[in-house]
Protein backbone atom coordinates (compact mmCIF):
# COMPACT_ATOMS: atom_id res chain seq x y z
CA MET A 1 104.14 85.38 138.34
CA ASN A 2 103.13 88.95 137.36
CA ILE A 3 106.16 90.47 138.71
CA LEU A 4 108.30 87.85 136.93
CA LYS A 5 106.39 88.54 133.67
CA ARG A 6 107.00 92.25 133.93
CA GLY A 7 110.30 92.42 135.76
CA LEU A 8 112.20 89.87 133.74
CA PRO A 9 112.03 91.57 130.35
CA THR A 10 112.81 94.85 131.96
CA ALA A 11 115.86 93.48 133.72
CA ILE A 12 117.04 91.79 130.46
CA ALA A 13 116.60 95.07 128.53
CA VAL A 14 118.40 97.12 131.17
CA ILE A 15 121.32 94.70 131.43
CA ALA A 16 121.70 94.42 127.64
CA GLY A 17 121.56 98.24 127.29
CA LEU A 18 124.11 98.82 130.04
CA ALA A 19 126.35 96.17 128.58
CA THR A 20 126.11 97.69 125.13
CA LEU A 21 126.84 101.08 126.51
CA ALA A 22 129.87 99.76 128.52
CA GLY A 23 131.08 97.94 125.32
CA LEU A 24 130.99 101.10 123.34
CA LEU A 25 132.71 103.24 125.98
CA VAL A 26 135.17 100.90 127.84
CA PHE A 27 135.18 97.39 126.41
CA PRO A 28 135.32 97.32 122.56
CA ASP A 29 135.46 93.45 122.49
CA LEU A 30 132.25 93.32 124.32
CA SER A 31 130.60 95.72 121.94
CA THR A 32 131.80 93.66 119.03
CA LEU A 33 130.39 90.50 120.56
CA LEU A 34 127.07 92.13 121.21
CA LEU A 35 126.84 93.44 117.68
CA GLU A 36 127.58 89.92 116.26
CA TRP A 37 124.73 88.62 118.40
CA ALA A 38 122.39 91.28 117.23
CA ALA A 39 123.44 90.56 113.53
CA PHE A 40 122.85 86.88 114.08
CA LEU A 41 119.43 87.42 115.71
CA ALA A 42 118.50 89.86 112.78
CA ALA A 43 119.39 87.19 110.19
CA VAL A 44 117.37 84.52 112.03
CA ALA A 45 114.40 86.93 112.22
CA LEU A 46 114.68 87.72 108.45
CA VAL A 47 114.68 83.95 107.46
CA ALA A 48 111.76 83.40 109.78
CA GLY A 49 109.90 86.38 108.32
CA ILE A 50 110.62 85.07 104.79
CA LEU A 51 109.39 81.62 105.59
CA ASN A 52 106.31 82.96 107.28
CA LEU A 53 105.55 85.05 104.14
CA LEU A 54 106.05 82.10 101.96
CA ALA A 55 103.72 79.97 103.98
CA ILE A 56 100.92 82.69 104.09
CA HIS A 57 101.08 83.11 100.29
CA LEU A 58 101.19 79.41 99.66
CA ARG A 59 97.83 79.11 101.50
CA ARG A 60 96.56 82.00 99.51
CA THR A 61 97.38 80.28 96.23
CA ALA A 62 94.81 77.61 97.05
CA GLY A 63 92.25 80.26 96.63
CA ARG A 64 93.78 81.13 93.17
CA ASN A 65 95.41 84.38 94.23
CA ILE A 66 97.44 85.38 91.19
CA TYR A 67 99.47 87.93 93.16
CA SER A 68 100.44 85.35 95.73
CA LEU A 69 101.57 83.02 92.97
CA VAL A 70 103.62 85.76 91.24
CA LEU A 71 105.25 86.62 94.60
CA ILE A 72 106.11 83.04 95.27
CA LEU A 73 107.57 82.46 91.81
CA GLY A 74 109.63 85.70 92.24
CA MET A 75 110.90 84.56 95.49
CA LEU A 76 111.99 81.17 94.05
CA LEU A 77 113.51 82.74 91.06
CA VAL A 78 115.69 85.05 93.00
CA PHE A 79 116.62 82.30 95.60
CA GLY A 80 117.58 80.00 92.57
CA LEU A 81 119.71 82.67 91.04
CA ALA A 82 121.48 83.31 94.29
CA VAL A 83 122.27 79.60 94.61
CA THR A 84 123.48 79.34 91.00
CA ASP A 85 125.64 82.47 91.52
CA ALA A 86 127.20 80.99 94.58
CA LEU A 87 127.93 77.73 92.66
CA GLY A 88 129.33 79.64 89.73
CA LEU A 89 126.70 78.42 87.29
CA THR A 90 125.57 81.99 86.60
CA GLU A 91 127.15 85.39 86.95
CA ASP A 92 125.40 88.29 88.65
CA GLY A 93 122.01 86.72 88.25
CA VAL A 94 120.59 88.36 91.24
CA ASP A 95 122.10 91.79 90.37
CA ALA A 96 120.56 91.38 86.75
CA VAL A 97 117.04 90.83 88.30
CA PHE A 98 117.61 93.71 90.73
CA ASN A 99 118.63 96.12 87.88
CA THR A 100 115.95 95.13 85.45
CA VAL A 101 113.09 94.86 87.92
CA GLN A 102 113.61 96.59 91.29
CA VAL A 103 115.35 99.70 90.00
CA PRO A 104 112.83 100.53 87.39
CA LEU A 105 109.96 100.00 89.85
CA GLU A 106 111.65 102.31 92.34
CA ALA A 107 112.22 104.96 89.76
CA ALA A 108 108.64 104.76 88.67
CA LEU A 109 107.31 105.00 92.27
CA ALA A 110 109.60 108.00 92.87
CA SER A 111 108.37 109.84 89.84
CA LEU A 112 104.79 109.10 90.84
CA LEU A 113 105.56 110.49 94.30
CA ALA A 114 106.06 113.90 92.86
CA PHE A 115 102.59 113.97 91.15
CA PHE A 116 101.01 112.51 94.32
CA LEU A 117 102.39 115.60 96.21
CA LEU A 118 101.23 117.91 93.57
CA PHE A 119 97.70 116.43 93.71
CA GLY A 120 97.86 116.61 97.55
CA GLY A 121 98.80 120.19 97.38
CA ILE A 122 95.97 121.03 95.02
CA ARG A 123 93.53 119.25 97.30
CA LEU A 124 94.90 121.13 100.29
CA TRP A 125 94.57 124.45 98.44
CA GLN A 126 91.02 123.63 97.64
CA ARG A 127 90.09 122.74 101.15
CA GLN A 128 92.11 125.37 103.07
CA ARG A 129 93.23 128.50 101.29
CA SER A 130 96.01 129.61 103.54
CA GLY A 131 99.50 131.03 103.11
CA TRP A 132 101.08 127.61 104.05
CA ALA A 133 98.93 125.81 101.59
CA PHE A 134 99.94 128.17 98.91
CA LEU A 135 103.53 127.96 99.87
CA PHE A 136 103.32 124.16 99.74
CA LEU A 137 101.77 124.18 96.27
CA LEU A 138 104.27 126.73 95.02
CA ALA A 139 107.23 124.71 96.22
CA ILE A 140 106.03 121.53 94.53
CA LEU A 141 105.38 123.29 91.20
CA PHE A 142 108.80 125.08 91.38
CA PHE A 143 110.75 121.78 92.00
CA LEU A 144 108.72 119.96 89.33
CA VAL A 145 109.56 122.69 86.79
CA SER A 146 113.19 123.02 88.03
CA GLN A 147 113.98 119.42 87.77
CA SER A 148 112.58 119.15 84.20
CA PRO A 149 114.63 119.77 81.07
CA LEU A 150 114.68 123.50 80.51
CA PRO A 151 116.18 125.84 77.88
CA ALA A 152 119.56 127.11 78.81
CA SER A 153 118.26 130.71 79.31
CA VAL A 154 115.61 129.49 81.70
CA GLU A 155 118.06 127.20 83.43
CA GLU A 156 120.41 130.03 84.16
CA LEU A 157 117.57 131.90 85.98
CA VAL A 158 116.28 128.76 87.85
CA SER A 159 119.49 127.30 88.96
CA PRO A 160 120.58 129.95 91.39
CA VAL A 161 117.10 130.02 93.05
CA ARG A 162 117.14 126.17 93.31
CA SER A 163 120.60 126.27 94.88
CA PHE A 164 119.53 128.97 97.35
CA ILE A 165 116.54 126.89 98.43
CA TYR A 166 118.72 123.71 98.78
CA ASP A 167 121.38 125.44 100.81
CA VAL A 168 119.37 127.88 102.86
CA LEU A 169 116.12 126.04 103.47
CA VAL A 170 116.28 122.29 102.75
CA THR A 171 119.58 121.49 104.18
CA PRO A 172 119.24 123.12 107.55
CA GLY A 173 115.65 121.59 107.70
CA VAL A 174 117.12 118.18 107.20
CA ARG A 175 119.65 118.76 109.72
CA GLY A 176 117.16 119.92 112.17
CA LEU A 177 115.09 116.67 111.60
CA LEU A 178 118.11 114.57 112.02
CA LEU A 179 118.96 116.42 115.19
CA GLY A 180 115.43 115.86 116.46
CA ILE A 181 115.57 112.26 115.66
CA SER A 182 118.83 111.84 117.52
CA LEU A 183 117.55 113.56 120.56
CA GLY A 184 114.42 111.31 120.48
CA ILE A 185 116.65 108.09 120.24
CA ILE A 186 118.75 109.38 123.18
CA THR A 187 115.63 110.12 125.29
CA LEU A 188 114.19 106.65 124.43
CA SER A 189 117.37 104.98 125.22
CA LEU A 190 117.68 106.58 128.66
CA ARG A 191 113.99 105.61 129.40
CA LEU A 192 114.73 102.05 128.32
CA LEU A 193 117.88 101.87 130.58
CA ALA A 194 115.89 103.37 133.46
CA GLY A 195 113.08 100.79 132.95
CA LEU A 196 110.43 103.45 132.32
CA GLU A 197 109.72 102.49 128.69
CA ARG A 198 108.54 98.92 128.28
CA PRO A 199 107.59 98.30 124.61
CA TYR A 200 108.30 94.57 125.09
CA SER A 201 105.70 94.09 127.89
CA SER A 202 101.94 93.54 127.23
């Protein structure tokens, strides 16, 4: 029983991985079929997650949790607008909610992130006065100032420095991170195909 419990998930994962690899390299129709299955399973998992979230917050509303009530009302509002958009009763109702609620919230959080980084840089400098802490704090201050509206004379001085940092430091760093992520994915995929990595087993 123990062998079946551990060996069956490993065998399924290895077979699915090899089939996907063969589909990508040799059999494109097989790859398309597997991707359709994966998309269907992802959609089912999304629906199950939404229903589970709704059930949890419905139970919390019994304890007069106002945040759960707001979440449920928001879910029902967006779902109702999606249905009315599909029936032609409303036009771009979901997009209107997204543009008036989600987009401003994302912009507010993104703007707060810069100040959180600045606060973190100040705390880091207070606890550990090192060259790296000073460089981190200096970079945050520079980009906060450079992204703000500046006089034309100051903008002419700041713009070349900002472009240099983006082109010479930021872009290669991002490419290095993406390369490291790609190598990590390849390594994990090979370990899954070899049966050495078993995240699905207890």
